Amino acid sequence: MTEVEVFEVCLSAPQLDEAVLRQIDKEIPYHILFLLEYEGKYQAWTAYKETAGSGANAFKVGTYYHTGWTEKDALLLKVDGLNTDKVYENFVRQIAGETLSGTGETLKESVERDERRKKLQKQIAALQVKVRRERQLNKRVELNMKLKQLRRQLDDL
């Protein structure tokens, strides 16, 4: 992509539906950095965005990452990279923080690992509910074994 767009959005409430950002991201064929402002506090939002295989101006918008609410002066993002794609990648990594801190990984690999982690966490939470509700001991033991296996997979990520 040839440029990184920066959108400042002034909010009347401290929350914004992610679907609004997703719709804007789908329509604009550039990397976008959203700066949300509410009562003097700022948050930076961006999504992993890649070209879809269907066309030149079609994009797949992935997971959104954001900072916490902070003072304007405390929201520091370094412009680092030799081209716009690297600058954008560094913005995404800075905003996501520890979530995408894989050494030696491309941004795409880090995002995929994060998505697998989130999926495993959902599976673990659902399985924990099943374990608590199960009355039969043998089924409970079987569910606990599956739970242990999922937790090991999560630790490996």
Protein backbone atom coordinates (compact mmCIF):
# COMPACT_ATOMS: atom_id res chain seq x y z
CA MET A 1 0.00 0.00 0.00
CA THR A 2 1.19 3.49 -0.70
CA GLU A 3 0.08 5.42 2.36
CA VAL A 4 -1.08 5.26 5.95
CA GLU A 5 -4.22 7.24 6.73
CA VAL A 6 -4.72 8.74 10.20
CA PHE A 7 -8.31 9.38 11.26
CA GLU A 8 -9.11 11.30 14.44
CA VAL A 9 -12.56 10.46 15.75
CA CYS A 10 -14.11 12.58 18.52
CA LEU A 11 -16.49 10.47 20.60
CA SER A 12 -19.51 11.50 22.67
CA ALA A 13 -19.19 8.30 24.77
CA PRO A 14 -16.09 6.32 25.79
CA GLN A 15 -17.02 3.30 23.61
CA LEU A 16 -17.29 2.91 19.87
CA ASP A 17 -18.71 -0.11 18.09
CA GLU A 18 -15.85 -1.85 16.31
CA ALA A 19 -18.19 -2.39 13.34
CA VAL A 20 -17.95 1.34 12.56
CA LEU A 21 -14.16 1.14 12.25
CA ARG A 22 -14.42 -2.11 10.29
CA GLN A 23 -16.77 -0.51 7.75
CA ILE A 24 -14.43 2.44 7.24
CA ASP A 25 -11.47 0.06 6.91
CA LYS A 26 -13.25 -2.04 4.27
CA GLU A 27 -14.05 1.00 2.12
CA ILE A 28 -10.63 2.70 2.14
CA PRO A 29 -7.81 0.91 0.31
CA TYR A 30 -5.03 2.10 2.64
CA HIS A 31 -3.67 1.26 6.06
CA ILE A 32 -5.60 3.26 8.65
CA LEU A 33 -4.62 4.39 12.13
CA PHE A 34 -7.63 5.58 14.16
CA LEU A 35 -7.12 8.03 17.02
CA LEU A 36 -10.19 8.09 19.22
CA GLU A 37 -10.67 11.08 21.52
CA TYR A 38 -13.05 11.29 24.46
CA GLU A 39 -12.90 14.11 27.01
CA GLY A 40 -9.21 14.84 26.40
CA LYS A 41 -8.10 11.19 26.52
CA TYR A 42 -6.89 9.30 23.47
CA GLN A 43 -6.82 5.72 22.26
CA ALA A 44 -5.06 4.39 19.15
CA TRP A 45 -6.83 1.66 17.15
CA THR A 46 -5.73 -0.27 14.09
CA ALA A 47 -6.46 -3.60 12.47
CA TYR A 48 -4.35 -6.10 10.65
CA LYS A 49 -5.38 -5.46 7.05
CA GLU A 50 -4.26 -7.38 4.00
CA THR A 51 -5.16 -7.46 0.34
CA ALA A 52 -7.86 -10.00 -0.45
CA GLY A 53 -7.27 -12.30 -3.38
CA SER A 54 -10.48 -11.22 -5.13
CA GLY A 55 -9.37 -7.85 -6.46
CA ALA A 56 -6.94 -4.95 -6.35
CA ASN A 57 -9.09 -2.77 -4.09
CA ALA A 58 -10.53 -5.55 -1.91
CA PHE A 59 -9.17 -5.95 1.61
CA LYS A 60 -9.58 -8.41 4.42
CA VAL A 61 -9.77 -6.60 7.75
CA GLY A 62 -8.64 -8.76 10.64
CA THR A 63 -8.46 -8.35 14.39
CA TYR A 64 -8.44 -4.86 15.87
CA TYR A 65 -5.83 -3.85 18.40
CA HIS A 66 -5.92 -0.77 20.60
CA THR A 67 -4.12 1.05 23.36
CA GLY A 68 -5.72 2.04 26.64
CA TRP A 69 -7.09 5.54 27.22
CA THR A 70 -4.24 7.96 27.82
CA GLU A 71 -3.31 11.62 27.73
CA LYS A 72 -2.51 13.01 24.30
CA ASP A 73 1.16 13.57 25.16
CA ALA A 74 1.53 10.02 26.51
CA LEU A 75 0.31 8.40 23.29
CA LEU A 76 3.62 7.95 21.53
CA LEU A 77 3.91 5.98 18.31
CA LYS A 78 7.28 5.88 16.61
CA VAL A 79 7.39 6.10 12.83
CA ASP A 80 9.86 3.35 12.00
CA GLY A 81 10.39 1.56 8.69
CA LEU A 82 11.79 1.93 5.20
CA ASN A 83 8.41 1.74 3.44
CA THR A 84 4.75 2.31 4.33
CA ASP A 85 4.09 -1.39 4.92
CA LYS A 86 6.89 -1.55 7.53
CA VAL A 87 5.73 1.70 9.16
CA TYR A 88 2.21 0.26 9.38
CA GLU A 89 3.51 -3.05 10.73
CA ASN A 90 5.41 -1.19 13.46
CA PHE A 91 2.28 0.83 14.33
CA VAL A 92 0.28 -2.40 14.69
CA ARG A 93 2.96 -3.98 16.89
CA GLN A 94 3.27 -0.85 19.08
CA ILE A 95 -0.50 -0.60 19.54
CA ALA A 96 -0.97 -4.34 20.20
CA GLY A 97 1.92 -4.39 22.68
CA GLU A 98 2.81 -7.79 24.12
CA THR A 99 -0.01 -9.48 22.20
CA LEU A 100 2.03 -9.54 18.97
CA SER A 101 5.54 -9.67 20.38
CA GLY A 102 6.82 -12.73 18.53
CA THR A 103 10.50 -12.64 17.76
CA GLY A 104 11.40 -13.56 14.21
CA GLU A 105 7.76 -13.70 13.13
CA THR A 106 6.16 -11.72 10.36
CA LEU A 107 3.17 -9.59 11.33
CA LYS A 108 0.86 -12.07 9.62
CA GLU A 109 2.32 -14.97 11.63
CA SER A 110 1.98 -12.99 14.88
CA VAL A 111 -1.66 -12.15 14.13
CA GLU A 112 -2.43 -15.79 13.24
CA ARG A 113 -0.80 -16.96 16.49
CA ASP A 114 -2.87 -14.41 18.43
CA GLU A 115 -6.08 -15.61 16.73
CA ARG A 116 -5.24 -19.25 17.59
CA ARG A 117 -4.61 -18.18 21.19
CA LYS A 118 -8.00 -16.43 21.42
CA LYS A 119 -9.76 -19.44 19.87
CA LEU A 120 -8.13 -21.80 22.39
CA GLN A 121 -9.12 -19.51 25.26
CA LYS A 122 -12.75 -19.62 24.11
CA GLN A 123 -12.64 -23.41 23.82
CA ILE A 124 -11.12 -23.68 27.31
CA ALA A 125 -13.80 -21.42 28.81
CA ALA A 126 -16.60 -23.42 27.14
CA LEU A 127 -15.08 -26.71 28.28
CA GLN A 128 -14.74 -25.45 31.87
CA VAL A 129 -18.47 -24.73 31.90
CA LYS A 130 -19.18 -28.25 30.59
CA VAL A 131 -16.97 -29.78 33.29
CA ARG A 132 -18.81 -27.89 36.03
CA ARG A 133 -22.23 -28.99 34.69
CA GLU A 134 -21.35 -32.63 34.05
CA ARG A 135 -22.69 -35.03 36.68
CA GLN A 136 -21.17 -38.31 35.49
CA LEU A 137 -17.67 -38.91 36.81
CA ASN A 138 -16.34 -40.75 33.74
CA LYS A 139 -17.48 -37.96 31.38
CA ARG A 140 -16.07 -35.37 33.75
CA VAL A 141 -12.68 -37.10 33.72
CA GLU A 142 -12.76 -37.24 29.92
CA LEU A 143 -13.61 -33.51 29.69
CA ASN A 144 -10.83 -32.67 32.15
CA MET A 145 -8.34 -34.57 29.96
CA LYS A 146 -9.45 -32.52 26.93
CA LEU A 147 -9.18 -29.37 29.03
CA LYS A 148 -5.64 -30.26 30.07
CA GLN A 149 -4.68 -30.88 26.43
CA LEU A 150 -6.09 -27.49 25.34
CA ARG A 151 -4.22 -25.72 28.14
CA ARG A 152 -0.97 -27.38 27.01
CA GLN A 153 -1.61 -26.17 23.45
CA LEU A 154 -2.22 -22.65 24.81
CA ASP A 155 1.03 -22.76 26.79
CA ASP A 156 2.92 -23.82 23.66
CA LEU A 157 1.73 -20.69 21.84
